[in-house]
All heavy atoms as atom14 arrays in JSON, in Angstrom:
{
  "sequence": "GQCPLGTDPALATTAAQELLRPLVDEPLVAADGREVTFLAA",
  "atom14_mask": [
    [1, 1, 1, 1, 0, 0, 0, 0, 0, 0, 0, 0, 0, 0],
    [1, 1, 1, 1, 1, 1, 1, 1, 1, 0, 0, 0, 0, 0],
    [1, 1, 1, 1, 1, 1, 0, 0, 0, 0, 0, 0, 0, 0],
    [1, 1, 1, 1, 1, 1, 1, 0, 0, 0, 0, 0, 0, 0],
    [1, 1, 1, 1, 1, 1, 1, 1, 0, 0, 0, 0, 0, 0],
    [1, 1, 1, 1, 0, 0, 0, 0, 0, 0, 0, 0, 0, 0],
    [1, 1, 1, 1, 1, 1, 1, 0, 0, 0, 0, 0, 0, 0],
    [1, 1, 1, 1, 1, 1, 1, 1, 0, 0, 0, 0, 0, 0],
    [1, 1, 1, 1, 1, 1, 1, 0, 0, 0, 0, 0, 0, 0],
    [1, 1, 1, 1, 1, 0, 0, 0, 0, 0, 0, 0, 0, 0],
    [1, 1, 1, 1, 1, 1, 1, 1, 0, 0, 0, 0, 0, 0],
    [1, 1, 1, 1, 1, 0, 0, 0, 0, 0, 0, 0, 0, 0],
    [1, 1, 1, 1, 1, 1, 1, 0, 0, 0, 0, 0, 0, 0],
    [1, 1, 1, 1, 1, 1, 1, 0, 0, 0, 0, 0, 0, 0],
    [1, 1, 1, 1, 1, 0, 0, 0, 0, 0, 0, 0, 0, 0],
    [1, 1, 1, 1, 1, 0, 0, 0, 0, 0, 0, 0, 0, 0],
    [1, 1, 1, 1, 1, 1, 1, 1, 1, 0, 0, 0, 0, 0],
    [1, 1, 1, 1, 1, 1, 1, 1, 1, 0, 0, 0, 0, 0],
    [1, 1, 1, 1, 1, 1, 1, 1, 0, 0, 0, 0, 0, 0],
    [1, 1, 1, 1, 1, 1, 1, 1, 0, 0, 0, 0, 0, 0],
    [1, 1, 1, 1, 1, 1, 1, 1, 1, 1, 1, 0, 0, 0],
    [1, 1, 1, 1, 1, 1, 1, 0, 0, 0, 0, 0, 0, 0],
    [1, 1, 1, 1, 1, 1, 1, 1, 0, 0, 0, 0, 0, 0],
    [1, 1, 1, 1, 1, 1, 1, 0, 0, 0, 0, 0, 0, 0],
    [1, 1, 1, 1, 1, 1, 1, 1, 0, 0, 0, 0, 0, 0],
    [1, 1, 1, 1, 1, 1, 1, 1, 1, 0, 0, 0, 0, 0],
    [1, 1, 1, 1, 1, 1, 1, 0, 0, 0, 0, 0, 0, 0],
    [1, 1, 1, 1, 1, 1, 1, 1, 0, 0, 0, 0, 0, 0],
    [1, 1, 1, 1, 1, 1, 1, 0, 0, 0, 0, 0, 0, 0],
    [1, 1, 1, 1, 1, 0, 0, 0, 0, 0, 0, 0, 0, 0],
    [1, 1, 1, 1, 1, 0, 0, 0, 0, 0, 0, 0, 0, 0],
    [1, 1, 1, 1, 1, 1, 1, 1, 0, 0, 0, 0, 0, 0],
    [1, 1, 1, 1, 0, 0, 0, 0, 0, 0, 0, 0, 0, 0],
    [1, 1, 1, 1, 1, 1, 1, 1, 1, 1, 1, 0, 0, 0],
    [1, 1, 1, 1, 1, 1, 1, 1, 1, 0, 0, 0, 0, 0],
    [1, 1, 1, 1, 1, 1, 1, 0, 0, 0, 0, 0, 0, 0],
    [1, 1, 1, 1, 1, 1, 1, 0, 0, 0, 0, 0, 0, 0],
    [1, 1, 1, 1, 1, 1, 1, 1, 1, 1, 1, 0, 0, 0],
    [1, 1, 1, 1, 1, 1, 1, 1, 0, 0, 0, 0, 0, 0],
    [1, 1, 1, 1, 1, 0, 0, 0, 0, 0, 0, 0, 0, 0],
    [1, 1, 1, 1, 1, 0, 0, 0, 0, 0, 0, 0, 0, 0]
  ],
  "atom14_positions": [
    [[-3.29, -23.35, -16.5], [-2.64, -22.07, -16.72], [-1.24, -22.04, -16.12], [-0.95, -22.75, -15.16], [0.0, 0.0, 0.0], [0.0, 0.0, 0.0], [0.0, 0.0, 0.0], [0.0, 0.0, 0.0], [0.0, 0.0, 0.0], [0.0, 0.0, 0.0], [0.0, 0.0, 0.0], [0.0, 0.0, 0.0], [0.0, 0.0, 0.0], [0.0, 0.0, 0.0]],
    [[-0.35, -21.24, -16.71], [1.03, -21.11, -16.25], [1.71, -22.47, -16.14], [2.44, -22.75, -15.18], [1.1, -20.37, -14.92], [0.61, -18.93, -14.99], [0.79, -18.17, -13.69], [0.64, -18.73, -12.6], [1.12, -16.89, -13.78], [0.0, 0.0, 0.0], [0.0, 0.0, 0.0], [0.0, 0.0, 0.0], [0.0, 0.0, 0.0], [0.0, 0.0, 0.0]],
    [[1.48, -23.31, -17.12], [2.07, -24.65, -17.14], [3.55, -24.56, -17.51], [3.91, -23.9, -18.5], [1.33, -25.53, -18.14], [2.05, -27.18, -18.35], [0.0, 0.0, 0.0], [0.0, 0.0, 0.0], [0.0, 0.0, 0.0], [0.0, 0.0, 0.0], [0.0, 0.0, 0.0], [0.0, 0.0, 0.0], [0.0, 0.0, 0.0], [0.0, 0.0, 0.0]],
    [[4.43, -25.22, -16.76], [5.87, -25.17, -17.07], [6.22, -25.87, -18.38], [7.36, -25.77, -18.84], [6.52, -25.87, -15.87], [5.44, -26.72, -15.3], [4.16, -25.98, -15.52], [0.0, 0.0, 0.0], [0.0, 0.0, 0.0], [0.0, 0.0, 0.0], [0.0, 0.0, 0.0], [0.0, 0.0, 0.0], [0.0, 0.0, 0.0], [0.0, 0.0, 0.0]],
    [[5.25, -26.58, -18.96], [5.47, -27.25, -20.25], [4.96, -26.42, -21.42], [4.96, -26.88, -22.56], [4.8, -28.62, -20.25], [5.31, -29.62, -19.21], [4.48, -30.9, -19.23], [6.79, -29.96, -19.44], [0.0, 0.0, 0.0], [0.0, 0.0, 0.0], [0.0, 0.0, 0.0], [0.0, 0.0, 0.0], [0.0, 0.0, 0.0], [0.0, 0.0, 0.0]],
    [[4.51, -25.21, -21.15], [4.05, -24.33, -22.21], [2.54, -24.27, -22.32], [1.81, -24.71, -21.43], [0.0, 0.0, 0.0], [0.0, 0.0, 0.0], [0.0, 0.0, 0.0], [0.0, 0.0, 0.0], [0.0, 0.0, 0.0], [0.0, 0.0, 0.0], [0.0, 0.0, 0.0], [0.0, 0.0, 0.0], [0.0, 0.0, 0.0], [0.0, 0.0, 0.0]],
    [[2.06, -23.75, -23.44], [0.63, -23.54, -23.64], [0.02, -24.51, -24.64], [-1.2, -24.48, -24.83], [0.38, -22.11, -24.13], [1.1, -21.89, -25.36], [0.84, -21.09, -23.08], [0.0, 0.0, 0.0], [0.0, 0.0, 0.0], [0.0, 0.0, 0.0], [0.0, 0.0, 0.0], [0.0, 0.0, 0.0], [0.0, 0.0, 0.0], [0.0, 0.0, 0.0]],
    [[0.8, -25.34, -25.26], [0.3, -26.29, -26.26], [0.62, -27.71, -25.81], [1.78, -28.12, -25.82], [0.94, -26.01, -27.62], [0.37, -26.88, -28.73], [-0.42, -27.81, -28.43], [0.71, -26.64, -29.9], [0.0, 0.0, 0.0], [0.0, 0.0, 0.0], [0.0, 0.0, 0.0], [0.0, 0.0, 0.0], [0.0, 0.0, 0.0], [0.0, 0.0, 0.0]],
    [[-0.39, -28.51, -25.42], [-0.12, -29.88, -24.96], [0.6, -30.72, -26.0], [1.35, -31.64, -25.65], [-1.51, -30.43, -24.66], [-2.37, -29.24, -24.43], [-1.82, -28.16, -25.33], [0.0, 0.0, 0.0], [0.0, 0.0, 0.0], [0.0, 0.0, 0.0], [0.0, 0.0, 0.0], [0.0, 0.0, 0.0], [0.0, 0.0, 0.0], [0.0, 0.0, 0.0]],
    [[0.4, -30.41, -27.27], [1.04, -31.19, -28.33], [2.56, -31.03, -28.32], [3.28, -31.87, -28.87], [0.48, -30.79, -29.69], [0.0, 0.0, 0.0], [0.0, 0.0, 0.0], [0.0, 0.0, 0.0], [0.0, 0.0, 0.0], [0.0, 0.0, 0.0], [0.0, 0.0, 0.0], [0.0, 0.0, 0.0], [0.0, 0.0, 0.0], [0.0, 0.0, 0.0]],
    [[3.04, -29.96, -27.7], [4.48, -29.7, -27.65], [5.08, -30.03, -26.28], [6.23, -29.7, -26.01], [4.75, -28.23, -27.98], [4.28, -27.76, -29.37], [4.58, -26.27, -29.54], [4.96, -28.57, -30.47], [0.0, 0.0, 0.0], [0.0, 0.0, 0.0], [0.0, 0.0, 0.0], [0.0, 0.0, 0.0], [0.0, 0.0, 0.0], [0.0, 0.0, 0.0]],
    [[4.3, -30.69, -25.43], [4.76, -30.96, -24.06], [5.96, -31.89, -24.01], [6.86, -31.72, -23.17], [3.61, -31.54, -23.23], [0.0, 0.0, 0.0], [0.0, 0.0, 0.0], [0.0, 0.0, 0.0], [0.0, 0.0, 0.0], [0.0, 0.0, 0.0], [0.0, 0.0, 0.0], [0.0, 0.0, 0.0], [0.0, 0.0, 0.0], [0.0, 0.0, 0.0]],
    [[6.01, -32.88, -24.9], [7.15, -33.79, -24.9], [8.44, -33.05, -25.23], [9.47, -33.24, -24.56], [6.92, -34.93, -25.91], [5.88, -35.8, -25.41], [8.19, -35.76, -26.11], [0.0, 0.0, 0.0], [0.0, 0.0, 0.0], [0.0, 0.0, 0.0], [0.0, 0.0, 0.0], [0.0, 0.0, 0.0], [0.0, 0.0, 0.0], [0.0, 0.0, 0.0]],
    [[8.38, -32.18, -26.22], [9.56, -31.38, -26.56], [9.96, -30.48, -25.41], [11.15, -30.34, -25.08], [9.27, -30.53, -27.82], [8.96, -31.39, -28.91], [10.47, -29.66, -28.17], [0.0, 0.0, 0.0], [0.0, 0.0, 0.0], [0.0, 0.0, 0.0], [0.0, 0.0, 0.0], [0.0, 0.0, 0.0], [0.0, 0.0, 0.0], [0.0, 0.0, 0.0]],
    [[8.97, -29.9, -24.74], [9.26, -29.03, -23.6], [9.92, -29.81, -22.47], [10.85, -29.32, -21.81], [7.98, -28.36, -23.11], [0.0, 0.0, 0.0], [0.0, 0.0, 0.0], [0.0, 0.0, 0.0], [0.0, 0.0, 0.0], [0.0, 0.0, 0.0], [0.0, 0.0, 0.0], [0.0, 0.0, 0.0], [0.0, 0.0, 0.0], [0.0, 0.0, 0.0]],
    [[9.44, -31.03, -22.22], [10.05, -31.86, -21.17], [11.49, -32.2, -21.52], [12.37, -32.17, -20.65], [9.23, -33.13, -20.98], [0.0, 0.0, 0.0], [0.0, 0.0, 0.0], [0.0, 0.0, 0.0], [0.0, 0.0, 0.0], [0.0, 0.0, 0.0], [0.0, 0.0, 0.0], [0.0, 0.0, 0.0], [0.0, 0.0, 0.0], [0.0, 0.0, 0.0]],
    [[11.74, -32.54, -22.78], [13.12, -32.84, -23.18], [14.02, -31.63, -23.0], [15.18, -31.75, -22.57], [13.13, -33.29, -24.64], [12.52, -34.67, -24.87], [12.49, -35.05, -26.33], [12.57, -34.2, -27.22], [12.4, -36.35, -26.6], [0.0, 0.0, 0.0], [0.0, 0.0, 0.0], [0.0, 0.0, 0.0], [0.0, 0.0, 0.0], [0.0, 0.0, 0.0]],
    [[13.51, -30.44, -23.3], [14.31, -29.23, -23.14], [14.64, -28.96, -21.68], [15.7, -28.4, -21.36], [13.56, -28.04, -23.74], [13.46, -28.1, -25.26], [12.58, -27.0, -25.84], [11.9, -26.3, -25.04], [12.55, -26.84, -27.08], [0.0, 0.0, 0.0], [0.0, 0.0, 0.0], [0.0, 0.0, 0.0], [0.0, 0.0, 0.0], [0.0, 0.0, 0.0]],
    [[13.75, -29.38, -20.77], [14.01, -29.24, -19.34], [14.98, -30.29, -18.83], [15.84, -30.0, -17.98], [12.7, -29.35, -18.56], [11.88, -28.09, -18.31], [10.56, -28.45, -17.63], [12.68, -27.11, -17.44], [0.0, 0.0, 0.0], [0.0, 0.0, 0.0], [0.0, 0.0, 0.0], [0.0, 0.0, 0.0], [0.0, 0.0, 0.0], [0.0, 0.0, 0.0]],
    [[14.85, -31.51, -19.32], [15.57, -32.63, -18.74], [16.93, -32.89, -19.37], [17.89, -33.23, -18.67], [14.73, -33.91, -18.85], [13.42, -33.93, -18.06], [12.65, -35.22, -18.36], [13.69, -33.82, -16.57], [0.0, 0.0, 0.0], [0.0, 0.0, 0.0], [0.0, 0.0, 0.0], [0.0, 0.0, 0.0], [0.0, 0.0, 0.0], [0.0, 0.0, 0.0]],
    [[17.04, -32.77, -20.68], [18.27, -33.18, -21.33], [19.52, -32.41, -20.9], [20.6, -32.98, -20.83], [18.1, -33.12, -22.86], [17.3, -34.28, -23.4], [17.34, -34.32, -24.92], [16.67, -35.52, -25.44], [16.62, -35.84, -26.73], [17.2, -35.04, -27.62], [16.0, -36.93, -27.11], [0.0, 0.0, 0.0], [0.0, 0.0, 0.0], [0.0, 0.0, 0.0]],
    [[19.42, -31.12, -20.58], [20.63, -30.43, -20.09], [21.21, -31.05, -18.83], [22.41, -30.91, -18.55], [20.12, -29.0, -19.83], [18.98, -28.83, -20.78], [18.31, -30.17, -20.8], [0.0, 0.0, 0.0], [0.0, 0.0, 0.0], [0.0, 0.0, 0.0], [0.0, 0.0, 0.0], [0.0, 0.0, 0.0], [0.0, 0.0, 0.0], [0.0, 0.0, 0.0]],
    [[20.36, -31.77, -18.07], [20.83, -32.38, -16.83], [21.72, -33.59, -17.08], [22.38, -34.07, -16.16], [19.64, -32.8, -15.97], [18.66, -31.69, -15.57], [17.5, -32.26, -14.78], [19.39, -30.62, -14.76], [0.0, 0.0, 0.0], [0.0, 0.0, 0.0], [0.0, 0.0, 0.0], [0.0, 0.0, 0.0], [0.0, 0.0, 0.0], [0.0, 0.0, 0.0]],
    [[21.74, -34.11, -18.31], [22.63, -35.23, -18.63], [24.08, -34.83, -18.4], [24.87, -35.56, -17.79], [22.43, -35.69, -20.08], [23.47, -36.74, -20.46], [21.02, -36.26, -20.27], [0.0, 0.0, 0.0], [0.0, 0.0, 0.0], [0.0, 0.0, 0.0], [0.0, 0.0, 0.0], [0.0, 0.0, 0.0], [0.0, 0.0, 0.0], [0.0, 0.0, 0.0]],
    [[24.44, -33.63, -18.88], [25.82, -33.17, -18.78], [26.04, -32.15, -17.67], [27.16, -32.0, -17.18], [26.26, -32.55, -20.12], [26.26, -33.57, -21.26], [26.71, -34.71, -21.03], [25.78, -33.21, -22.35], [0.0, 0.0, 0.0], [0.0, 0.0, 0.0], [0.0, 0.0, 0.0], [0.0, 0.0, 0.0], [0.0, 0.0, 0.0], [0.0, 0.0, 0.0]],
    [[24.98, -31.47, -17.25], [25.12, -30.43, -16.23], [24.03, -30.6, -15.18], [23.02, -29.88, -15.19], [25.04, -29.04, -16.87], [26.17, -28.76, -17.85], [26.08, -27.37, -18.45], [25.23, -26.58, -17.97], [26.84, -27.06, -19.36], [0.0, 0.0, 0.0], [0.0, 0.0, 0.0], [0.0, 0.0, 0.0], [0.0, 0.0, 0.0], [0.0, 0.0, 0.0]],
    [[24.22, -31.52, -14.25], [23.21, -31.72, -13.19], [23.07, -30.47, -12.33], [24.01, -29.69, -12.18], [23.78, -32.89, -12.38], [24.79, -33.54, -13.27], [25.35, -32.45, -14.13], [0.0, 0.0, 0.0], [0.0, 0.0, 0.0], [0.0, 0.0, 0.0], [0.0, 0.0, 0.0], [0.0, 0.0, 0.0], [0.0, 0.0, 0.0], [0.0, 0.0, 0.0]],
    [[21.88, -30.31, -11.76], [21.67, -29.27, -10.77], [22.06, -29.82, -9.4], [22.07, -31.04, -9.19], [20.21, -28.83, -10.75], [19.71, -28.11, -12.01], [18.2, -27.88, -11.91], [20.44, -26.78, -12.2], [0.0, 0.0, 0.0], [0.0, 0.0, 0.0], [0.0, 0.0, 0.0], [0.0, 0.0, 0.0], [0.0, 0.0, 0.0], [0.0, 0.0, 0.0]],
    [[22.37, -28.95, -8.48], [22.74, -29.36, -7.13], [21.64, -28.94, -6.18], [21.27, -27.77, -6.11], [24.09, -28.75, -6.7], [24.43, -29.18, -5.28], [25.19, -29.16, -7.67], [0.0, 0.0, 0.0], [0.0, 0.0, 0.0], [0.0, 0.0, 0.0], [0.0, 0.0, 0.0], [0.0, 0.0, 0.0], [0.0, 0.0, 0.0], [0.0, 0.0, 0.0]],
    [[21.09, -29.92, -5.47], [20.01, -29.65, -4.52], [20.57, -29.04, -3.24], [21.79, -29.04, -3.0], [19.26, -30.95, -4.2], [0.0, 0.0, 0.0], [0.0, 0.0, 0.0], [0.0, 0.0, 0.0], [0.0, 0.0, 0.0], [0.0, 0.0, 0.0], [0.0, 0.0, 0.0], [0.0, 0.0, 0.0], [0.0, 0.0, 0.0], [0.0, 0.0, 0.0]],
    [[19.69, -28.56, -2.39], [20.1, -27.89, -1.16], [20.88, -28.81, -0.24], [21.73, -28.34, 0.54], [18.87, -27.34, -0.43], [0.0, 0.0, 0.0], [0.0, 0.0, 0.0], [0.0, 0.0, 0.0], [0.0, 0.0, 0.0], [0.0, 0.0, 0.0], [0.0, 0.0, 0.0], [0.0, 0.0, 0.0], [0.0, 0.0, 0.0], [0.0, 0.0, 0.0]],
    [[20.63, -30.13, -0.33], [21.35, -31.07, 0.53], [22.67, -31.52, -0.08], [23.35, -32.39, 0.47], [20.48, -32.29, 0.86], [20.12, -33.12, -0.36], [20.57, -32.78, -1.49], [19.4, -34.13, -0.19], [0.0, 0.0, 0.0], [0.0, 0.0, 0.0], [0.0, 0.0, 0.0], [0.0, 0.0, 0.0], [0.0, 0.0, 0.0], [0.0, 0.0, 0.0]],
    [[23.05, -30.92, -1.24], [24.33, -31.23, -1.86], [24.27, -32.33, -2.9], [25.28, -32.57, -3.6], [0.0, 0.0, 0.0], [0.0, 0.0, 0.0], [0.0, 0.0, 0.0], [0.0, 0.0, 0.0], [0.0, 0.0, 0.0], [0.0, 0.0, 0.0], [0.0, 0.0, 0.0], [0.0, 0.0, 0.0], [0.0, 0.0, 0.0], [0.0, 0.0, 0.0]],
    [[23.15, -33.0, -3.05], [23.05, -34.07, -4.04], [22.89, -33.51, -5.44], [22.18, -32.52, -5.65], [21.87, -34.99, -3.73], [22.11, -35.93, -2.57], [20.98, -36.94, -2.48], [19.74, -36.35, -1.97], [18.54, -36.9, -2.11], [18.41, -38.03, -2.79], [17.48, -36.32, -1.59], [0.0, 0.0, 0.0], [0.0, 0.0, 0.0], [0.0, 0.0, 0.0]],
    [[23.52, -34.17, -6.4], [23.34, -33.8, -7.79], [22.02, -34.36, -8.3], [21.69, -35.52, -8.05], [24.49, -34.34, -8.65], [25.8, -33.61, -8.46], [26.82, -33.98, -9.53], [26.61, -35.01, -10.22], [27.8, -33.25, -9.69], [0.0, 0.0, 0.0], [0.0, 0.0, 0.0], [0.0, 0.0, 0.0], [0.0, 0.0, 0.0], [0.0, 0.0, 0.0]],
    [[21.27, -33.52, -9.0], [20.01, -33.95, -9.6], [20.24, -34.07, -11.1], [20.34, -33.08, -11.83], [18.88, -32.96, -9.29], [17.58, -33.42, -9.95], [18.7, -32.85, -7.78], [0.0, 0.0, 0.0], [0.0, 0.0, 0.0], [0.0, 0.0, 0.0], [0.0, 0.0, 0.0], [0.0, 0.0, 0.0], [0.0, 0.0, 0.0], [0.0, 0.0, 0.0]],
    [[20.35, -35.31, -11.53], [20.66, -35.63, -12.92], [19.38, -35.79, -13.74], [18.26, -35.69, -13.22], [21.44, -36.94, -12.98], [20.6, -37.99, -12.46], [22.72, -36.85, -12.15], [0.0, 0.0, 0.0], [0.0, 0.0, 0.0], [0.0, 0.0, 0.0], [0.0, 0.0, 0.0], [0.0, 0.0, 0.0], [0.0, 0.0, 0.0], [0.0, 0.0, 0.0]],
    [[19.56, -36.05, -15.02], [18.42, -36.41, -15.88], [17.63, -37.55, -15.25], [16.39, -37.51, -15.19], [18.95, -36.83, -17.25], [17.88, -37.27, -18.22], [17.41, -36.4, -19.19], [17.34, -38.55, -18.18], [16.43, -36.79, -20.1], [16.35, -38.95, -19.06], [15.9, -38.07, -20.02], [0.0, 0.0, 0.0], [0.0, 0.0, 0.0], [0.0, 0.0, 0.0]],
    [[18.34, -38.54, -14.76], [17.67, -39.71, -14.18], [16.82, -39.34, -12.98], [15.65, -39.72, -12.88], [18.7, -40.76, -13.77], [19.45, -41.46, -14.89], [20.56, -42.32, -14.3], [18.5, -42.31, -15.71], [0.0, 0.0, 0.0], [0.0, 0.0, 0.0], [0.0, 0.0, 0.0], [0.0, 0.0, 0.0], [0.0, 0.0, 0.0], [0.0, 0.0, 0.0]],
    [[17.39, -38.59, -12.04], [16.66, -38.25, -10.82], [15.43, -37.41, -11.12], [14.35, -37.63, -10.56], [17.59, -37.53, -9.85], [0.0, 0.0, 0.0], [0.0, 0.0, 0.0], [0.0, 0.0, 0.0], [0.0, 0.0, 0.0], [0.0, 0.0, 0.0], [0.0, 0.0, 0.0], [0.0, 0.0, 0.0], [0.0, 0.0, 0.0], [0.0, 0.0, 0.0]],
    [[15.57, -36.42, -12.01], [14.43, -35.58, -12.35], [13.35, -36.38, -13.07], [12.15, -36.23, -12.8], [14.89, -34.41, -13.22], [0.0, 0.0, 0.0], [0.0, 0.0, 0.0], [0.0, 0.0, 0.0], [0.0, 0.0, 0.0], [0.0, 0.0, 0.0], [0.0, 0.0, 0.0], [0.0, 0.0, 0.0], [0.0, 0.0, 0.0], [0.0, 0.0, 0.0]]
  ]
}
């Protein structure tokens, strides 16, 4: 329940790509200042 990949396991790969691919061009910044890229995630 409350899975971050949605409610349909068949769509989990698409959901993961939607979470990860934006990090290719726009990494998140962690509390310690490091950039979290697609690779790191």
